[in-house]
Amino acid sequence: MTVRPDDPLIAGYHRFRTGVWPAQAQRYAQLARRRQQPAAAVIACSDARIDPQTIFDAEPGELFVIRNVAGLVPPYAPDGGCHGTSAALEYAVKILKVRRIIVLGHANCDGIHAMIHGPLRNARDFLGPWMDIAEPVMWPMPGPGSGEALETAIEAAVLSLSLSNLRTFPWIRDGEKAGHLALSAWRFDIGAGELRTT
């Protein structure tokens, strides 16, 4: 596949290279000379409408961002399987020595919406089992039976579940207990631009 000159991603890169890069070239040079040292890890939904770097007005290198569908944290399961989110958490805590882990949920999450309303039956290879992580918060329903209020209640419950699941990782639990690691869960409202702790 050849890249077309009018490709919007290539056009975006050119804007970055001619606008942002010159203004931050020194910062990027510093980042290239040393290993990354982010202060925090952020577990966020892969939803294209939210970007933790933008929401937190973070500079390159400040956040270690882990993204997946619905921003879920699975429970600790060292079973030899491929666990992308768990591997990223281990890297952030044991190698990078981050001091904070933030689970960042958001309003109008398509993953949560799909889990509630059922279109996952068409995507069961990986997505269905992944979303099953959140199954414990689905029954009984944590809020009104339908609509936006139900989705908001489940989004909040999923954040709480992910925070609890973080504490199933022994090196996260121990780090929090020793005061070396702070854990929090926040919810971003896309339409209102508001960030709230849960």
Protein backbone atom coordinates (compact mmCIF):
# COMPACT_ATOMS: atom_id res chain seq x y z
CA MET A 1 0.00 0.00 0.00
CA THR A 2 1.45 3.33 -0.98
CA VAL A 3 0.89 6.46 1.03
CA ARG A 4 -1.02 9.08 -0.88
CA PRO A 5 0.21 12.68 -0.62
CA ASP A 6 -3.26 13.78 0.50
CA ASP A 7 -3.38 11.23 3.36
CA PRO A 8 -4.71 13.12 6.42
CA LEU A 9 -2.26 11.36 8.76
CA ILE A 10 0.72 12.36 6.62
CA ALA A 11 -0.65 15.90 6.44
CA GLY A 12 -0.90 15.87 10.24
CA TYR A 13 2.69 14.68 10.51
CA HIS A 14 3.83 17.53 8.24
CA ARG A 15 2.01 20.05 10.45
CA PHE A 16 3.70 18.50 13.49
CA ARG A 17 7.12 18.51 11.84
CA THR A 18 6.91 22.11 10.67
CA GLY A 19 4.95 23.58 13.60
CA VAL A 20 5.27 21.64 16.86
CA TRP A 21 8.66 20.00 16.31
CA PRO A 22 10.73 23.17 15.83
CA ALA A 23 9.25 24.69 18.99
CA GLN A 24 9.97 21.53 21.02
CA ALA A 25 13.06 20.16 19.27
CA GLN A 26 15.22 20.61 22.36
CA ARG A 27 12.72 18.71 24.53
CA TYR A 28 12.56 15.84 22.03
CA ALA A 29 16.37 15.74 21.87
CA GLN A 30 16.50 15.44 25.67
CA LEU A 31 13.89 12.66 25.62
CA ALA A 32 15.91 10.78 22.99
CA ARG A 33 19.10 10.94 25.10
CA ARG A 34 17.64 9.37 28.23
CA ARG A 35 15.30 6.55 29.17
CA GLN A 36 11.69 7.47 29.75
CA GLN A 37 10.84 8.55 33.31
CA PRO A 38 7.09 9.19 33.42
CA ALA A 39 5.64 10.27 36.74
CA ALA A 40 2.37 8.41 36.24
CA ALA A 41 0.77 5.56 34.35
CA VAL A 42 -2.69 6.19 32.93
CA ILE A 43 -4.94 3.31 31.95
CA ALA A 44 -7.47 4.72 29.50
CA CYS A 45 -10.01 3.63 26.97
CA SER A 46 -8.81 3.37 23.39
CA ASP A 47 -11.80 5.52 22.34
CA ALA A 48 -10.58 7.95 19.68
CA ARG A 49 -12.46 10.84 21.31
CA ILE A 50 -10.31 10.97 24.44
CA ASP A 51 -6.57 11.46 24.76
CA PRO A 52 -4.94 11.44 28.22
CA GLN A 53 -2.00 13.56 27.00
CA THR A 54 -4.45 16.26 25.89
CA ILE A 55 -6.82 15.99 28.88
CA PHE A 56 -3.94 16.39 31.37
CA ASP A 57 -2.04 18.90 29.21
CA ALA A 58 0.98 16.62 29.55
CA GLU A 59 4.26 17.06 27.73
CA PRO A 60 5.84 14.15 25.84
CA GLY A 61 7.47 11.79 28.34
CA GLU A 62 5.31 12.74 31.35
CA LEU A 63 2.72 9.95 31.13
CA PHE A 64 2.99 6.24 30.45
CA VAL A 65 -0.34 5.63 28.72
CA ILE A 66 -1.90 2.16 28.57
CA ARG A 67 -4.96 2.04 26.33
CA ASN A 68 -7.49 -0.71 25.74
CA VAL A 69 -11.19 -1.13 25.07
CA ALA A 70 -13.18 0.42 27.95
CA GLY A 71 -9.97 1.16 29.90
CA LEU A 72 -10.36 -2.10 31.81
CA VAL A 73 -7.84 -3.50 34.27
CA PRO A 74 -7.94 -7.30 34.39
CA PRO A 75 -7.28 -9.11 37.67
CA TYR A 76 -3.77 -10.44 38.33
CA ALA A 77 -3.36 -13.73 36.43
CA PRO A 78 0.27 -14.85 35.92
CA ASP A 79 -0.74 -17.85 33.80
CA GLY A 80 1.79 -17.52 30.99
CA GLY A 81 -0.77 -16.07 28.59
CA CYS A 82 -0.40 -12.87 26.62
CA HIS A 83 -1.70 -10.07 28.83
CA GLY A 84 -0.95 -6.70 27.24
CA THR A 85 -2.44 -4.48 29.94
CA SER A 86 -0.89 -6.51 32.76
CA ALA A 87 2.51 -6.50 31.03
CA ALA A 88 2.32 -2.72 30.60
CA LEU A 89 1.42 -2.31 34.28
CA GLU A 90 4.35 -4.49 35.32
CA TYR A 91 6.67 -2.45 33.12
CA ALA A 92 5.33 0.84 34.50
CA VAL A 93 5.65 -0.20 38.15
CA LYS A 94 8.70 -2.48 38.21
CA ILE A 95 10.87 -0.95 35.48
CA LEU A 96 9.80 2.68 35.16
CA LYS A 97 8.94 3.03 38.88
CA VAL A 98 5.93 5.29 38.33
CA ARG A 99 4.55 6.84 41.51
CA ARG A 100 0.91 7.03 40.41
CA ILE A 101 -1.55 4.89 38.47
CA ILE A 102 -4.72 6.54 37.23
CA VAL A 103 -7.62 4.61 35.72
CA LEU A 104 -9.28 7.08 33.36
CA GLY A 105 -12.83 6.28 32.34
CA HIS A 106 -15.11 8.47 30.31
CA ALA A 107 -18.73 9.26 29.57
CA ASN A 108 -20.39 7.74 26.51
CA CYS A 109 -17.96 4.81 26.37
CA ASP A 110 -18.69 2.74 23.27
CA GLY A 111 -17.23 -0.39 24.89
CA ILE A 112 -19.61 -0.12 27.85
CA HIS A 113 -22.49 0.71 25.51
CA ALA A 114 -21.76 -2.41 23.44
CA MET A 115 -21.49 -4.53 26.58
CA ILE A 116 -24.93 -3.35 27.76
CA HIS A 117 -26.73 -3.45 24.44
CA GLY A 118 -25.23 -6.62 23.04
CA PRO A 119 -23.44 -6.04 19.71
CA LEU A 120 -20.46 -7.95 21.12
CA ARG A 121 -21.95 -11.19 19.76
CA ASN A 122 -20.34 -10.21 16.44
CA ALA A 123 -16.91 -9.78 18.02
CA ARG A 124 -16.29 -12.72 20.33
CA ASP A 125 -12.76 -13.76 19.35
CA PHE A 126 -11.01 -11.23 21.58
CA LEU A 127 -13.44 -8.41 22.42
CA GLY A 128 -16.09 -10.58 24.07
CA PRO A 129 -13.71 -12.28 26.51
CA TRP A 130 -12.03 -8.92 27.20
CA MET A 131 -15.33 -7.26 28.10
CA ASP A 132 -16.21 -10.26 30.29
CA ILE A 133 -13.75 -8.73 32.79
CA ALA A 134 -16.52 -6.22 33.57
CA GLU A 135 -19.23 -8.87 33.90
CA PRO A 136 -19.22 -8.72 37.75
CA VAL A 137 -20.60 -5.16 37.66
CA MET A 138 -23.38 -5.99 35.22
CA TRP A 139 -25.53 -8.20 37.47
CA PRO A 140 -27.40 -6.99 39.30
CA MET A 141 -27.58 -3.79 37.28
CA PRO A 142 -26.00 -0.97 39.32
CA GLY A 143 -28.55 1.62 38.24
CA PRO A 144 -31.79 2.30 36.39
CA GLY A 145 -32.79 -0.32 33.85
CA SER A 146 -31.92 1.57 30.68
CA GLY A 147 -30.66 4.72 29.04
CA GLU A 148 -27.89 7.15 29.84
CA ALA A 149 -28.30 6.81 33.62
CA LEU A 150 -27.64 3.07 33.40
CA GLU A 151 -24.56 3.57 31.22
CA THR A 152 -23.23 6.21 33.63
CA ALA A 153 -23.77 3.85 36.59
CA ILE A 154 -21.99 1.00 34.81
CA GLU A 155 -19.12 3.27 33.72
CA ALA A 156 -18.62 4.22 37.40
CA ALA A 157 -18.87 0.59 38.50
CA VAL A 158 -16.29 -0.46 35.88
CA LEU A 159 -13.90 2.21 37.19
CA SER A 160 -14.31 0.86 40.73
CA LEU A 161 -13.79 -2.70 39.50
CA SER A 162 -10.62 -1.71 37.63
CA LEU A 163 -9.29 0.03 40.74
CA SER A 164 -10.02 -3.12 42.79
CA ASN A 165 -8.36 -5.27 40.13
CA LEU A 166 -5.22 -3.11 40.31
CA ARG A 167 -4.94 -4.12 43.97
CA THR A 168 -4.88 -7.83 43.01
CA PHE A 169 -1.37 -7.29 41.57
CA PRO A 170 0.92 -7.96 44.57
CA TRP A 171 3.56 -5.41 43.56
CA ILE A 172 0.89 -2.72 43.08
CA ARG A 173 -0.85 -3.56 46.36
CA ASP A 174 2.49 -3.60 48.21
CA GLY A 175 3.58 -0.31 46.62
CA GLU A 176 0.34 1.36 47.64
CA LYS A 177 0.55 -0.04 51.17
CA ALA A 178 4.15 1.21 51.51
CA GLY A 179 3.17 4.67 50.28
CA HIS A 180 5.29 4.46 47.11
CA LEU A 181 2.36 4.22 44.72
CA ALA A 182 -0.90 6.18 44.60
CA LEU A 183 -3.96 4.75 42.84
CA SER A 184 -6.98 6.70 41.65
CA ALA A 185 -9.91 6.47 39.26
CA TRP A 186 -11.23 9.47 37.35
CA ARG A 187 -14.04 9.92 34.84
CA PHE A 188 -13.89 12.41 31.97
CA ASP A 189 -17.13 13.80 30.54
CA ILE A 190 -16.40 14.31 26.84
CA GLY A 191 -19.28 16.70 26.18
CA ALA A 192 -18.78 18.88 29.28
CA GLY A 193 -14.98 18.69 29.45
CA GLU A 194 -15.22 17.85 33.16
CA LEU A 195 -12.98 15.48 35.12
CA ARG A 196 -14.28 13.91 38.32
CA THR A 197 -12.82 11.48 40.81
CA THR A 198 -14.83 8.39 41.60
